[in-house]
Amino acid sequence: MQVPEDAGGDYVEVIAELRSPGGRPALTDWCAARHLTCSPMVEGVLISGSRDRFRAALGQELPARTRSSRLTPPAELSDVVQSMIVMPVPHLHQD
């Protein structure tokens, strides 16, 4: 497993809901060009990377990750991505 140099406390996960499954290659190429990791899911794509990389790619600040938050997909992905949701930070509890 390769861990990016800028991974750490600012690691972010975003779920992108696709307009159609055929849009996955365009989103994968967009992510690769911005050094974001793109992992296929059943109904969309999980995009992950550092907060700085997301800020640069999306041109907007990301909300605090205390709960799920919607983002506006960038204009160049409007034909491919229906919605983007920033996932909250998971909390691991020991019983």
N, C-alpha and C. Protein backbone atom coordinates (compact mmCIF):
# COMPACT_ATOMS: atom_id res chain seq x y z
N MET A 1 0.85 -1.18 0.00
CA MET A 1 0.00 0.00 0.00
C MET A 1 0.88 1.23 0.00
N GLN A 2 0.57 2.17 -0.86
CA GLN A 2 1.33 3.41 -0.95
C GLN A 2 0.59 4.49 -0.19
N VAL A 3 1.29 5.14 0.73
CA VAL A 3 0.71 6.22 1.52
C VAL A 3 1.27 7.54 1.02
N PRO A 4 0.40 8.47 0.59
CA PRO A 4 0.90 9.75 0.10
C PRO A 4 1.64 10.51 1.19
N GLU A 5 2.62 11.34 0.78
CA GLU A 5 3.41 12.12 1.73
C GLU A 5 2.54 13.04 2.57
N ASP A 6 1.46 13.54 2.00
CA ASP A 6 0.65 14.51 2.73
C ASP A 6 -0.54 13.87 3.45
N ALA A 7 -0.52 12.55 3.60
CA ALA A 7 -1.58 11.88 4.35
C ALA A 7 -1.36 12.14 5.83
N GLY A 8 -2.42 12.03 6.59
CA GLY A 8 -2.30 12.25 8.03
C GLY A 8 -3.59 12.78 8.58
N GLY A 9 -3.49 13.69 9.52
CA GLY A 9 -4.66 14.22 10.19
C GLY A 9 -5.64 14.95 9.29
N ASP A 10 -5.18 15.34 8.12
CA ASP A 10 -6.06 16.07 7.22
C ASP A 10 -6.61 15.19 6.11
N TYR A 11 -6.60 13.88 6.30
CA TYR A 11 -7.10 12.92 5.32
C TYR A 11 -8.61 13.08 5.17
N VAL A 12 -9.09 13.12 3.93
CA VAL A 12 -10.50 13.36 3.65
C VAL A 12 -11.03 12.27 2.73
N GLU A 13 -12.28 11.87 2.96
CA GLU A 13 -12.97 10.93 2.08
C GLU A 13 -14.27 11.58 1.59
N VAL A 14 -14.48 11.50 0.29
CA VAL A 14 -15.67 12.07 -0.34
C VAL A 14 -16.30 10.98 -1.20
N ILE A 15 -17.60 10.83 -1.08
CA ILE A 15 -18.32 9.90 -1.95
C ILE A 15 -18.95 10.70 -3.08
N ALA A 16 -18.63 10.29 -4.31
CA ALA A 16 -19.20 10.93 -5.49
C ALA A 16 -20.25 10.01 -6.08
N GLU A 17 -21.46 10.52 -6.18
CA GLU A 17 -22.55 9.77 -6.82
C GLU A 17 -22.54 10.11 -8.30
N LEU A 18 -22.42 9.10 -9.13
CA LEU A 18 -22.33 9.31 -10.58
C LEU A 18 -23.71 9.44 -11.21
N ARG A 19 -23.78 10.21 -12.28
CA ARG A 19 -25.03 10.32 -13.04
C ARG A 19 -25.31 9.01 -13.79
N SER A 20 -24.22 8.34 -14.23
CA SER A 20 -24.35 7.03 -14.87
C SER A 20 -23.02 6.29 -14.68
N PRO A 21 -23.05 4.96 -14.68
CA PRO A 21 -21.80 4.20 -14.51
C PRO A 21 -20.75 4.52 -15.57
N GLY A 22 -21.20 4.95 -16.73
CA GLY A 22 -20.26 5.28 -17.81
C GLY A 22 -19.39 6.48 -17.52
N GLY A 23 -19.71 7.25 -16.49
CA GLY A 23 -18.92 8.43 -16.15
C GLY A 23 -17.70 8.14 -15.30
N ARG A 24 -17.59 6.89 -14.83
CA ARG A 24 -16.49 6.55 -13.93
C ARG A 24 -15.11 6.84 -14.52
N PRO A 25 -14.82 6.50 -15.80
CA PRO A 25 -13.47 6.79 -16.34
C PRO A 25 -13.13 8.29 -16.32
N ALA A 26 -14.09 9.14 -16.63
CA ALA A 26 -13.82 10.58 -16.61
C ALA A 26 -13.48 11.06 -15.21
N LEU A 27 -14.20 10.55 -14.20
CA LEU A 27 -13.92 10.93 -12.82
C LEU A 27 -12.57 10.38 -12.38
N THR A 28 -12.27 9.15 -12.76
CA THR A 28 -10.98 8.55 -12.41
C THR A 28 -9.83 9.37 -12.99
N ASP A 29 -9.95 9.80 -14.23
CA ASP A 29 -8.91 10.62 -14.86
C ASP A 29 -8.78 11.97 -14.16
N TRP A 30 -9.93 12.58 -13.79
CA TRP A 30 -9.93 13.86 -13.09
C TRP A 30 -9.19 13.72 -11.76
N CYS A 31 -9.48 12.66 -11.02
CA CYS A 31 -8.84 12.42 -9.72
C CYS A 31 -7.33 12.21 -9.89
N ALA A 32 -6.95 11.39 -10.85
CA ALA A 32 -5.53 11.10 -11.06
C ALA A 32 -4.75 12.36 -11.38
N ALA A 33 -5.33 13.24 -12.19
CA ALA A 33 -4.66 14.49 -12.56
C ALA A 33 -4.48 15.41 -11.36
N ARG A 34 -5.25 15.19 -10.31
CA ARG A 34 -5.19 16.03 -9.11
C ARG A 34 -4.59 15.30 -7.91
N HIS A 35 -4.01 14.13 -8.17
CA HIS A 35 -3.35 13.32 -7.14
C HIS A 35 -4.30 12.92 -6.01
N LEU A 36 -5.55 12.62 -6.38
CA LEU A 36 -6.54 12.09 -5.44
C LEU A 36 -6.75 10.62 -5.76
N THR A 37 -6.99 9.82 -4.75
CA THR A 37 -7.23 8.39 -4.94
C THR A 37 -8.71 8.19 -5.24
N CYS A 38 -8.99 7.36 -6.22
CA CYS A 38 -10.36 7.12 -6.67
C CYS A 38 -10.63 5.62 -6.62
N SER A 39 -11.60 5.21 -5.79
CA SER A 39 -11.91 3.79 -5.62
C SER A 39 -13.36 3.53 -5.99
N PRO A 40 -13.62 2.61 -6.92
CA PRO A 40 -15.00 2.34 -7.33
C PRO A 40 -15.82 1.73 -6.19
N MET A 41 -17.09 2.11 -6.15
CA MET A 41 -18.06 1.57 -5.21
C MET A 41 -19.27 1.12 -6.03
N VAL A 42 -20.21 0.46 -5.42
CA VAL A 42 -21.38 -0.04 -6.14
C VAL A 42 -22.14 1.10 -6.82
N GLU A 43 -22.42 2.17 -6.10
CA GLU A 43 -23.24 3.26 -6.64
C GLU A 43 -22.47 4.55 -6.86
N GLY A 44 -21.16 4.50 -6.87
CA GLY A 44 -20.40 5.72 -7.05
C GLY A 44 -18.93 5.47 -6.91
N VAL A 45 -18.23 6.48 -6.41
CA VAL A 45 -16.78 6.42 -6.29
C VAL A 45 -16.38 7.05 -4.96
N LEU A 46 -15.44 6.41 -4.27
CA LEU A 46 -14.86 6.98 -3.06
C LEU A 46 -13.59 7.71 -3.48
N ILE A 47 -13.54 9.00 -3.20
CA ILE A 47 -12.37 9.82 -3.52
C ILE A 47 -11.70 10.15 -2.19
N SER A 48 -10.39 9.95 -2.13
CA SER A 48 -9.68 10.24 -0.89
C SER A 48 -8.38 10.97 -1.17
N GLY A 49 -7.94 11.72 -0.17
CA GLY A 49 -6.69 12.47 -0.27
C GLY A 49 -6.61 13.49 0.84
N SER A 50 -5.63 14.34 0.76
CA SER A 50 -5.45 15.35 1.80
C SER A 50 -6.41 16.52 1.59
N ARG A 51 -6.65 17.24 2.66
CA ARG A 51 -7.50 18.43 2.61
C ARG A 51 -6.92 19.44 1.60
N ASP A 52 -5.60 19.59 1.58
CA ASP A 52 -4.97 20.54 0.65
C ASP A 52 -5.22 20.15 -0.80
N ARG A 53 -5.15 18.85 -1.10
CA ARG A 53 -5.39 18.41 -2.48
C ARG A 53 -6.85 18.61 -2.87
N PHE A 54 -7.77 18.34 -1.96
CA PHE A 54 -9.19 18.60 -2.26
C PHE A 54 -9.44 20.09 -2.45
N ARG A 55 -8.84 20.92 -1.61
CA ARG A 55 -9.03 22.37 -1.72
C ARG A 55 -8.55 22.85 -3.08
N ALA A 56 -7.38 22.36 -3.51
CA ALA A 56 -6.85 22.74 -4.82
C ALA A 56 -7.73 22.22 -5.95
N ALA A 57 -8.20 20.99 -5.85
CA ALA A 57 -9.00 20.37 -6.91
C ALA A 57 -10.38 21.00 -7.05
N LEU A 58 -10.99 21.32 -5.91
CA LEU A 58 -12.37 21.82 -5.92
C LEU A 58 -12.46 23.34 -5.90
N GLY A 59 -11.37 23.99 -5.53
CA GLY A 59 -11.39 25.45 -5.47
C GLY A 59 -12.29 25.98 -4.36
N GLN A 60 -12.46 25.20 -3.31
CA GLN A 60 -13.29 25.63 -2.19
C GLN A 60 -12.81 24.98 -0.91
N GLU A 61 -13.11 25.64 0.21
CA GLU A 61 -12.78 25.07 1.52
C GLU A 61 -13.70 23.90 1.79
N LEU A 62 -13.18 22.91 2.47
CA LEU A 62 -14.01 21.77 2.87
C LEU A 62 -14.57 22.04 4.26
N PRO A 63 -15.79 21.59 4.51
CA PRO A 63 -16.38 21.78 5.84
C PRO A 63 -15.68 20.90 6.87
N ALA A 64 -15.87 21.24 8.14
CA ALA A 64 -15.36 20.39 9.21
C ALA A 64 -15.99 19.01 9.05
N ARG A 65 -15.25 17.98 9.41
CA ARG A 65 -15.74 16.62 9.19
C ARG A 65 -16.44 16.06 10.43
N THR A 66 -17.26 16.87 11.06
CA THR A 66 -18.00 16.42 12.23
C THR A 66 -19.27 15.68 11.84
N ARG A 67 -19.73 15.89 10.60
CA ARG A 67 -20.90 15.19 10.05
C ARG A 67 -20.79 15.18 8.53
N SER A 68 -21.63 14.40 7.87
CA SER A 68 -21.64 14.38 6.41
C SER A 68 -22.05 15.75 5.89
N SER A 69 -21.38 16.20 4.84
CA SER A 69 -21.68 17.50 4.24
C SER A 69 -21.63 17.39 2.72
N ARG A 70 -22.56 18.04 2.06
CA ARG A 70 -22.59 18.04 0.59
C ARG A 70 -21.67 19.12 0.04
N LEU A 71 -21.05 18.80 -1.09
CA LEU A 71 -20.23 19.75 -1.83
C LEU A 71 -20.83 19.93 -3.22
N THR A 72 -20.59 21.06 -3.80
CA THR A 72 -20.98 21.27 -5.19
C THR A 72 -19.90 20.67 -6.08
N PRO A 73 -20.26 19.74 -6.96
CA PRO A 73 -19.25 19.18 -7.86
C PRO A 73 -18.66 20.28 -8.75
N PRO A 74 -17.38 20.18 -9.09
CA PRO A 74 -16.79 21.19 -9.97
C PRO A 74 -17.48 21.20 -11.33
N ALA A 75 -17.48 22.35 -11.98
CA ALA A 75 -18.17 22.52 -13.26
C ALA A 75 -17.74 21.49 -14.30
N GLU A 76 -16.44 21.13 -14.33
CA GLU A 76 -15.96 20.19 -15.34
C GLU A 76 -16.47 18.77 -15.13
N LEU A 77 -17.07 18.51 -13.95
CA LEU A 77 -17.64 17.18 -13.68
C LEU A 77 -19.17 17.19 -13.63
N SER A 78 -19.78 18.31 -13.96
CA SER A 78 -21.24 18.42 -13.82
C SER A 78 -22.01 17.42 -14.68
N ASP A 79 -21.45 16.97 -15.79
CA ASP A 79 -22.12 15.97 -16.62
C ASP A 79 -21.91 14.55 -16.10
N VAL A 80 -20.96 14.38 -15.17
CA VAL A 80 -20.57 13.06 -14.69
C VAL A 80 -21.01 12.80 -13.26
N VAL A 81 -20.85 13.80 -12.39
CA VAL A 81 -21.11 13.64 -10.96
C VAL A 81 -22.41 14.34 -10.56
N GLN A 82 -23.29 13.59 -9.93
CA GLN A 82 -24.56 14.15 -9.47
C GLN A 82 -24.41 14.84 -8.12
N SER A 83 -23.65 14.23 -7.21
CA SER A 83 -23.44 14.83 -5.89
C SER A 83 -22.13 14.36 -5.30
N MET A 84 -21.63 15.16 -4.36
CA MET A 84 -20.41 14.82 -3.63
C MET A 84 -20.69 15.02 -2.14
N ILE A 85 -20.32 14.03 -1.34
CA ILE A 85 -20.57 14.11 0.09
C ILE A 85 -19.27 13.85 0.85
N VAL A 86 -18.88 14.82 1.68
CA VAL A 86 -17.71 14.66 2.55
C VAL A 86 -18.14 13.79 3.71
N MET A 87 -17.39 12.73 3.94
CA MET A 87 -17.70 11.80 5.02
C MET A 87 -17.13 12.30 6.35
N PRO A 88 -17.86 12.08 7.44
CA PRO A 88 -17.34 12.51 8.75
C PRO A 88 -16.16 11.63 9.18
N VAL A 89 -15.37 12.15 10.09
CA VAL A 89 -14.26 11.39 10.65
C VAL A 89 -14.83 10.22 11.44
N PRO A 90 -14.38 9.00 11.16
CA PRO A 90 -14.87 7.87 11.93
C PRO A 90 -14.30 7.89 13.35
N HIS A 91 -15.08 7.43 14.28
CA HIS A 91 -14.63 7.34 15.66
C HIS A 91 -14.60 5.88 16.06
N LEU A 92 -13.45 5.44 16.51
CA LEU A 92 -13.29 4.07 16.95
C LEU A 92 -13.47 4.03 18.46
N HIS A 93 -14.37 3.17 18.90
CA HIS A 93 -14.65 3.06 20.33
C HIS A 93 -14.23 1.69 20.81
N GLN A 94 -13.63 1.67 21.97
CA GLN A 94 -13.24 0.41 22.56
C GLN A 94 -14.27 0.04 23.62
N ASP A 95 -14.83 -1.16 23.54
CA ASP A 95 -15.84 -1.60 24.51
C ASP A 95 -15.20 -2.13 25.76
